[in-house]
C-alpha atoms as a PDB file:
ATOM      1  CA  MET A   1      -0.159   0.104   0.144  1.00  0.00           C
ATOM      2  CA  GLY A   2       1.604   3.155  -1.283  1.00  0.00           C
ATOM      3  CA  ILE A   3       0.353   6.176   0.852  1.00  0.00           C
ATOM      4  CA  HIS A   4       1.104   9.644  -0.466  1.00  0.00           C
ATOM      5  CA  ARG A   5      -0.434  11.695   2.310  1.00  0.00           C
ATOM      6  CA  LEU A   6      -3.223  11.764   5.001  1.00  0.00           C
ATOM      7  CA  ASN A   7      -6.334  12.831   2.771  1.00  0.00           C
ATOM      8  CA  HIS A   8      -8.742  13.808   5.779  1.00  0.00           C
ATOM      9  CA  ALA A   9      -9.349  13.138   9.354  1.00  0.00           C
ATOM     10  CA  VAL A  10     -13.047  12.755  10.986  1.00  0.00           C
ATOM     11  CA  LEU A  11     -13.327  13.934  14.619  1.00  0.00           C
ATOM     12  CA  TYR A  12     -16.222  13.577  16.992  1.00  0.00           C
ATOM     13  CA  VAL A  13     -17.183  16.613  18.526  1.00  0.00           C
ATOM     14  CA  SER A  14     -19.609  17.964  21.485  1.00  0.00           C
ATOM     15  CA  ASN A  15     -20.727  21.072  19.704  1.00  0.00           C
ATOM     16  CA  LEU A  16     -20.474  21.373  16.107  1.00  0.00           C
ATOM     17  CA  ASP A  17     -20.913  25.051  15.780  1.00  0.00           C
ATOM     18  CA  ARG A  18     -18.071  25.797  18.528  1.00  0.00           C
ATOM     19  CA  SER A  19     -15.930  23.445  16.703  1.00  0.00           C
ATOM     20  CA  VAL A  20     -16.392  24.708  13.279  1.00  0.00           C
ATOM     21  CA  ALA A  21     -15.742  28.259  14.738  1.00  0.00           C
ATOM     22  CA  PHE A  22     -12.448  27.008  16.149  1.00  0.00           C
ATOM     23  CA  TYR A  23     -11.208  25.391  13.104  1.00  0.00           C
ATOM     24  CA  ARG A  24     -12.471  28.431  10.939  1.00  0.00           C
ATOM     25  CA  ASP A  25     -11.272  30.959  12.793  1.00  0.00           C
ATOM     26  CA  VAL A  26      -8.282  30.148  14.542  1.00  0.00           C
ATOM     27  CA  LEU A  27      -6.795  27.696  11.879  1.00  0.00           C
ATOM     28  CA  GLY A  28      -8.187  29.160   8.846  1.00  0.00           C
ATOM     29  CA  PHE A  29     -10.472  26.001   7.514  1.00  0.00           C
ATOM     30  CA  ARG A  30     -13.310  26.724   5.331  1.00  0.00           C
ATOM     31  CA  PRO A  31     -16.587  24.780   5.570  1.00  0.00           C
ATOM     32  CA  VAL A  32     -17.220  22.836   2.160  1.00  0.00           C
ATOM     33  CA  ALA A  33     -20.735  21.926   0.858  1.00  0.00           C
ATOM     34  CA  MET A  34     -20.542  18.396   0.780  1.00  0.00           C
ATOM     35  CA  THR A  35     -23.011  17.088   3.464  1.00  0.00           C
ATOM     36  CA  PRO A  36     -25.362  14.567   2.210  1.00  0.00           C
ATOM     37  CA  ASP A  37     -28.981  15.884   1.940  1.00  0.00           C
ATOM     38  CA  GLY A  38     -31.162  15.260   5.181  1.00  0.00           C
ATOM     39  CA  PHE A  39     -28.066  14.779   7.048  1.00  0.00           C
ATOM     40  CA  ARG A  40     -27.494  16.893  10.273  1.00  0.00           C
ATOM     41  CA  GLY A  41     -24.771  17.057  12.867  1.00  0.00           C
ATOM     42  CA  ALA A  42     -22.018  17.265  10.365  1.00  0.00           C
ATOM     43  CA  THR A  43     -19.811  19.532   8.623  1.00  0.00           C
ATOM     44  CA  PHE A  44     -16.761  19.101   6.282  1.00  0.00           C
ATOM     45  CA  LEU A  45     -13.716  21.266   6.287  1.00  0.00           C
ATOM     46  CA  GLN A  46     -10.936  22.233   3.860  1.00  0.00           C
ATOM     47  CA  ALA A  47      -7.791  23.848   4.836  1.00  0.00           C
ATOM     48  CA  PRO A  48      -6.265  26.850   3.131  1.00  0.00           C
ATOM     49  CA  ASP A  49      -4.426  26.031   0.161  1.00  0.00           C
ATOM     50  CA  SER A  50      -5.495  22.350   0.298  1.00  0.00           C
ATOM     51  CA  THR A  51      -5.966  20.243  -2.935  1.00  0.00           C
ATOM     52  CA  ASN A  52      -8.193  17.658  -1.081  1.00  0.00           C
ATOM     53  CA  ASP A  53     -12.059  18.034  -1.429  1.00  0.00           C
ATOM     54  CA  HIS A  54     -12.106  18.276   2.572  1.00  0.00           C
ATOM     55  CA  ASP A  55      -9.476  17.762   5.142  1.00  0.00           C
ATOM     56  CA  LEU A  56     -11.514  17.549   8.328  1.00  0.00           C
ATOM     57  CA  GLY A  57     -15.023  16.203   9.076  1.00  0.00           C
ATOM     58  CA  LEU A  58     -16.584  16.871  12.127  1.00  0.00           C
ATOM     59  CA  PHE A  59     -19.351  15.017  13.410  1.00  0.00           C
ATOM     60  CA  GLU A  60     -21.211  16.286  16.526  1.00  0.00           C
ATOM     61  CA  ILE A  61     -22.410  13.611  18.996  1.00  0.00           C
ATOM     62  CA  GLY A  62     -23.878  16.010  21.944  1.00  0.00           C
ATOM     63  CA  ALA A  63     -22.972  18.184  25.025  1.00  0.00           C
ATOM     64  CA  GLY A  64     -22.856  15.209  27.149  1.00  0.00           C
ATOM     65  CA  ALA A  65     -19.742  13.640  25.789  1.00  0.00           C
ATOM     66  CA  GLY A  66     -16.696  14.427  27.569  1.00  0.00           C
ATOM     67  CA  ARG A  67     -13.033  15.854  26.624  1.00  0.00           C
ATOM     68  CA  SER A  68     -10.689  13.431  24.859  1.00  0.00           C
ATOM     69  CA  GLN A  69      -8.981  11.532  27.136  1.00  0.00           C
ATOM     70  CA  ALA A  70      -6.703   9.431  24.873  1.00  0.00           C
ATOM     71  CA  GLY A  71      -3.173   8.790  26.325  1.00  0.00           C
ATOM     72  CA  ARG A  72      -4.370  10.009  29.673  1.00  0.00           C
ATOM     73  CA  ALA A  73      -6.989   7.720  30.626  1.00  0.00           C
ATOM     74  CA  THR A  74      -8.046   5.928  27.323  1.00  0.00           C
ATOM     75  CA  VAL A  75      -6.411   4.524  24.173  1.00  0.00           C
ATOM     76  CA  GLY A  76      -6.971   6.631  21.102  1.00  0.00           C
ATOM     77  CA  LEU A  77      -5.197   8.881  18.625  1.00  0.00           C
ATOM     78  CA  TYR A  78      -2.648  11.172  20.313  1.00  0.00           C
ATOM     79  CA  HIS A  79      -2.746  13.880  17.589  1.00  0.00           C
ATOM     80  CA  LEU A  80      -2.665  14.799  13.646  1.00  0.00           C
ATOM     81  CA  ALA A  81      -0.098  17.010  12.279  1.00  0.00           C
ATOM     82  CA  TRP A  82      -0.659  19.399   9.787  1.00  0.00           C
ATOM     83  CA  GLU A  83       2.347  21.039   7.842  1.00  0.00           C
ATOM     84  CA  VAL A  84       2.912  24.995   7.038  1.00  0.00           C
ATOM     85  CA  ASP A  85       4.607  26.329   4.302  1.00  0.00           C
ATOM     86  CA  THR A  86       6.951  29.042   6.366  1.00  0.00           C
ATOM     87  CA  LEU A  87       8.135  29.622   9.545  1.00  0.00           C
ATOM     88  CA  ASP A  88       6.254  33.207   9.502  1.00  0.00           C
ATOM     89  CA  GLU A  89       2.948  31.073   9.021  1.00  0.00           C
ATOM     90  CA  LEU A  90       3.943  28.858  12.047  1.00  0.00           C
ATOM     91  CA  ALA A  91       4.532  32.241  13.965  1.00  0.00           C
ATOM     92  CA  ALA A  92       1.153  33.496  13.023  1.00  0.00           C
ATOM     93  CA  THR A  93      -0.408  30.465  13.966  1.00  0.00           C
ATOM     94  CA  ALA A  94       1.335  30.231  17.491  1.00  0.00           C
ATOM     95  CA  GLU A  95       0.098  33.945  17.697  1.00  0.00           C
ATOM     96  CA  ARG A  96      -3.606  32.717  16.888  1.00  0.00           C
ATOM     97  CA  LEU A  97      -3.611  29.759  18.952  1.00  0.00           C
ATOM     98  CA  ALA A  98      -2.052  31.479  22.020  1.00  0.00           C
ATOM     99  CA  ALA A  99      -4.989  34.089  21.822  1.00  0.00           C
ATOM    100  CA  ALA A 100      -7.550  31.447  21.596  1.00  0.00           C
ATOM    101  CA  GLY A 101      -6.079  29.962  24.884  1.00  0.00           C
ATOM    102  CA  ALA A 102      -5.584  26.604  22.580  1.00  0.00           C
ATOM    103  CA  LEU A 103      -1.618  26.318  22.400  1.00  0.00           C
ATOM    104  CA  VAL A 104      -0.463  24.090  25.024  1.00  0.00           C
ATOM    105  CA  GLY A 105       3.346  23.581  23.835  1.00  0.00           C
ATOM    106  CA  THR A 106       5.841  23.988  21.317  1.00  0.00           C
ATOM    107  CA  SER A 107       9.118  21.971  20.436  1.00  0.00           C
ATOM    108  CA  ASP A 108      11.896  21.807  18.386  1.00  0.00           C
ATOM    109  CA  HIS A 109      12.874  18.215  17.172  1.00  0.00           C
ATOM    110  CA  GLY A 110      15.610  19.336  14.716  1.00  0.00           C
ATOM    111  CA  THR A 111      14.315  18.771  11.254  1.00  0.00           C
ATOM    112  CA  THR A 112      10.839  19.873  12.437  1.00  0.00           C
ATOM    113  CA  LYS A 113       9.453  23.018  14.191  1.00  0.00           C
ATOM    114  CA  SER A 114       6.076  22.374  15.891  1.00  0.00           C
ATOM    115  CA  LEU A 115       3.098  23.845  17.703  1.00  0.00           C
ATOM    116  CA  TYR A 116       0.613  21.845  19.976  1.00  0.00           C
ATOM    117  CA  GLY A 117      -2.938  22.945  20.059  1.00  0.00           C
ATOM    118  CA  GLN A 118      -5.885  21.575  21.640  1.00  0.00           C
ATOM    119  CA  ASP A 119      -9.426  21.833  20.478  1.00  0.00           C
ATOM    120  CA  PRO A 120     -12.502  22.758  22.229  1.00  0.00           C
ATOM    121  CA  ASP A 121     -12.838  19.064  23.142  1.00  0.00           C
ATOM    122  CA  GLY A 122      -9.388  18.282  24.075  1.00  0.00           C
ATOM    123  CA  LEU A 123      -8.247  16.899  20.898  1.00  0.00           C
ATOM    124  CA  GLU A 124      -4.357  17.431  20.219  1.00  0.00           C
ATOM    125  CA  PHE A 125      -3.157  18.507  17.015  1.00  0.00           C
ATOM    126  CA  GLU A 126       0.350  19.681  15.936  1.00  0.00           C
ATOM    127  CA  ILE A 127       1.353  22.300  13.158  1.00  0.00           C
ATOM    128  CA  VAL A 128       4.645  21.834  11.950  1.00  0.00           C
ATOM    129  CA  TRP A 129       7.338  23.559   9.642  1.00  0.00           C
ATOM    130  CA  LEU A 130       9.968  21.069   8.243  1.00  0.00           C
ATOM    131  CA  VAL A 131      13.515  21.953   7.353  1.00  0.00           C
ATOM    132  CA  PRO A 132      13.964  21.643   3.809  1.00  0.00           C
ATOM    133  CA  LEU A 133      16.229  19.023   2.333  1.00  0.00           C
ATOM    134  CA  ASP A 134      18.818  21.418   1.040  1.00  0.00           C
ATOM    135  CA  LEU A 135      19.466  22.917   4.333  1.00  0.00           C
ATOM    136  CA  LEU A 136      19.702  19.922   6.569  1.00  0.00           C
ATOM    137  CA  ASP A 137      22.631  19.832   8.325  1.00  0.00           C
ATOM    138  CA  ASP A 138      24.426  17.225  10.774  1.00  0.00           C
ATOM    139  CA  GLY A 139      23.122  19.380  13.958  1.00  0.00           C
ATOM    140  CA  ALA A 140      19.356  19.397  12.584  1.00  0.00           C
ATOM    141  CA  LEU A 141      19.477  15.414  12.218  1.00  0.00           C
ATOM    142  CA  ALA A 142      21.328  14.914  15.598  1.00  0.00           C
ATOM    143  CA  ALA A 143      18.401  17.074  17.316  1.00  0.00           C
ATOM    144  CA  ARG A 144      16.005  14.451  16.050  1.00  0.00           C
ATOM    145  CA  LYS A 145      16.921  12.286  18.795  1.00  0.00           C
ATOM    146  CA  GLN A 146      15.628  14.817  21.329  1.00  0.00           C
ATOM    147  CA  ILE A 147      13.014  17.441  22.211  1.00  0.00           C
ATOM    148  CA  GLY A 148      14.079  20.972  22.444  1.00  0.00           C
ATOM    149  CA  ARG A 149      12.694  24.145  23.029  1.00  0.00           C
ATOM    150  CA  LEU A 150      11.629  26.083  20.293  1.00  0.00           C
ATOM    151  CA  ASP A 151      12.654  29.386  19.683  1.00  0.00           C
ATOM    152  CA  LEU A 152      10.866  30.725  16.647  1.00  0.00           C
ATOM    153  CA  ALA A 153      12.600  33.939  16.305  1.00  0.00           C
ATOM    154  CA  ALA A 154      15.814  32.001  16.166  1.00  0.00           C
ATOM    155  CA  GLU A 155      14.539  29.644  13.643  1.00  0.00           C
ATOM    156  CA  ARG A 156      13.086  32.399  11.297  1.00  0.00           C
ATOM    157  CA  GLN A 157      16.780  34.273  11.757  1.00  0.00           C
ATOM    158  CA  ARG A 158      18.488  30.714  10.866  1.00  0.00           C
ATOM    159  CA  TYR A 159      16.102  29.595   8.049  1.00  0.00           C
ATOM    160  CA  GLY A 160      14.309  32.878   6.975  1.00  0.00           C
ATOM    161  CA  GLY A 161      10.582  33.273   7.755  1.00  0.00           C
ATOM    162  CA  GLN A 162       9.768  32.856   4.054  1.00  0.00           C
ATOM    163  CA  THR A 163      11.891  29.992   3.295  1.00  0.00           C
ATOM    164  CA  ARG A 164       9.360  27.235   1.834  1.00  0.00           C
ATOM    165  CA  GLY A 165       9.582  24.001   4.350  1.00  0.00           C
ATOM    166  CA  GLY A 166       9.620  20.414   3.305  1.00  0.00           C
ATOM    167  CA  VAL A 167      11.180  20.729  -0.135  1.00  0.00           C
ATOM    168  CA  GLY A 168      12.518  17.672  -1.315  1.00  0.00           C
ATOM    169  CA  ILE A 169      11.029  15.701   2.147  1.00  0.00           C
ATOM    170  CA  SER A 170       7.378  16.194   2.059  1.00  0.00           C
ATOM    171  CA  VAL A 171       7.030  18.481  -1.010  1.00  0.00           C
ATOM    172  CA  PRO A 172       8.713  17.530  -4.248  1.00  0.00           C
ATOM    173  CA  ALA A 173      11.703  19.783  -4.950  1.00  0.00           C
END
């Protein structure tokens, strides 16, 4: 089975309107009209610049549902990771997540620079920028074996805020 990429994810949420507002207003996803006629309680969203027909499906299961306990009290998916093109975009996303009270962590994995967020139901996600292949060096490769503190200002100075990430790795050169 040759996998090219993650096409979409489907999440169960307690309040559809609240979740759609979060993914739309904080992360820039836009609703797409593909919910089957007569079907209620679901919304499909597409990420900015995506070529997928949708990237996220949200299905409401009701206000009585508890926050996600995956990895803390139950098995389940830890997180999905979405890739952004530039460190400037990663920094702007960090600001939006922080303003929404949804930024729960950051990390430097050497070859990737990551933000961690939680949606209103406690479902965790990662936003990542990948060092392009032509800029990888021994230091970045060695740092993959540890989790460091992310200093976005230093990374933007080192790689450039508008340098396209993932080229030669997740994006064809």
